[in-house]
């Protein structure tokens, strides 16, 4: 009996770590932490509007930069627009996958973050581009998961996500009259004119918990500790 209890506890310890996946963590106070990129997002993806800063939350690129630079939220004043990397020859290397422009763009590989918003869209929220990597239309694309474009939706921990384009903080190198964006409607990335009115979503580097990630017990760790203590109690009672 004692051996069977110990085996059960050990098997649970081996299975449980896989149940907690890297991704978004709700830090409370309207902030969510991405423990893969080590960045913190505003939970409200249209805070510029809901805070009363702008009537609908859409602004040109320069206005967006000013908004992010002057934003103070949760006691932090280092908010910014999301960033991305021009991965190929300078410019839009349009394709249906694996590049910086178009659908299914690169997100993150190892320590290289190619697009913070693409990582949020594809990896954290599990959303799909309008076009598949092979170029076919995906009926379950977009923030609603049914191909519908326009409007807003709460997706996972994210609130007020707009089915439209959001600015990054990166200018388009071949022509600085343009800047990169990410389209939450089609799940694509491209460089529109800086004069366009797009949505803004603030992010900051690092966690807001105030403790290095390696020192914070994960839910799995806490659960395993509890199981271990419970197991010791069971074994002692069996003696």
Foldseek 3Di string as FASTA:
>chain_A
DLVVLVVVLVVCLVPPVVVDDQAWDPPDQQWIARPVLQKIWRLEQQCCCVVPVDVRQWFFQVVQQVCQQQDAGPNDNFKGFWAADQADPQFAPEACDDGLWHAPYDADDDNDGGTPVLCCQCPHQNFGAQAHNVGDGDCLHAPNGGLDAFDFDNTDSHHGHTQAKEFGNAARVVDRQWGKIAGRNRRTIHIDGSRDIDHTIIMHHHDPPPDPPVPDQDPSNVVSVVSVVVSVVVSVVVD
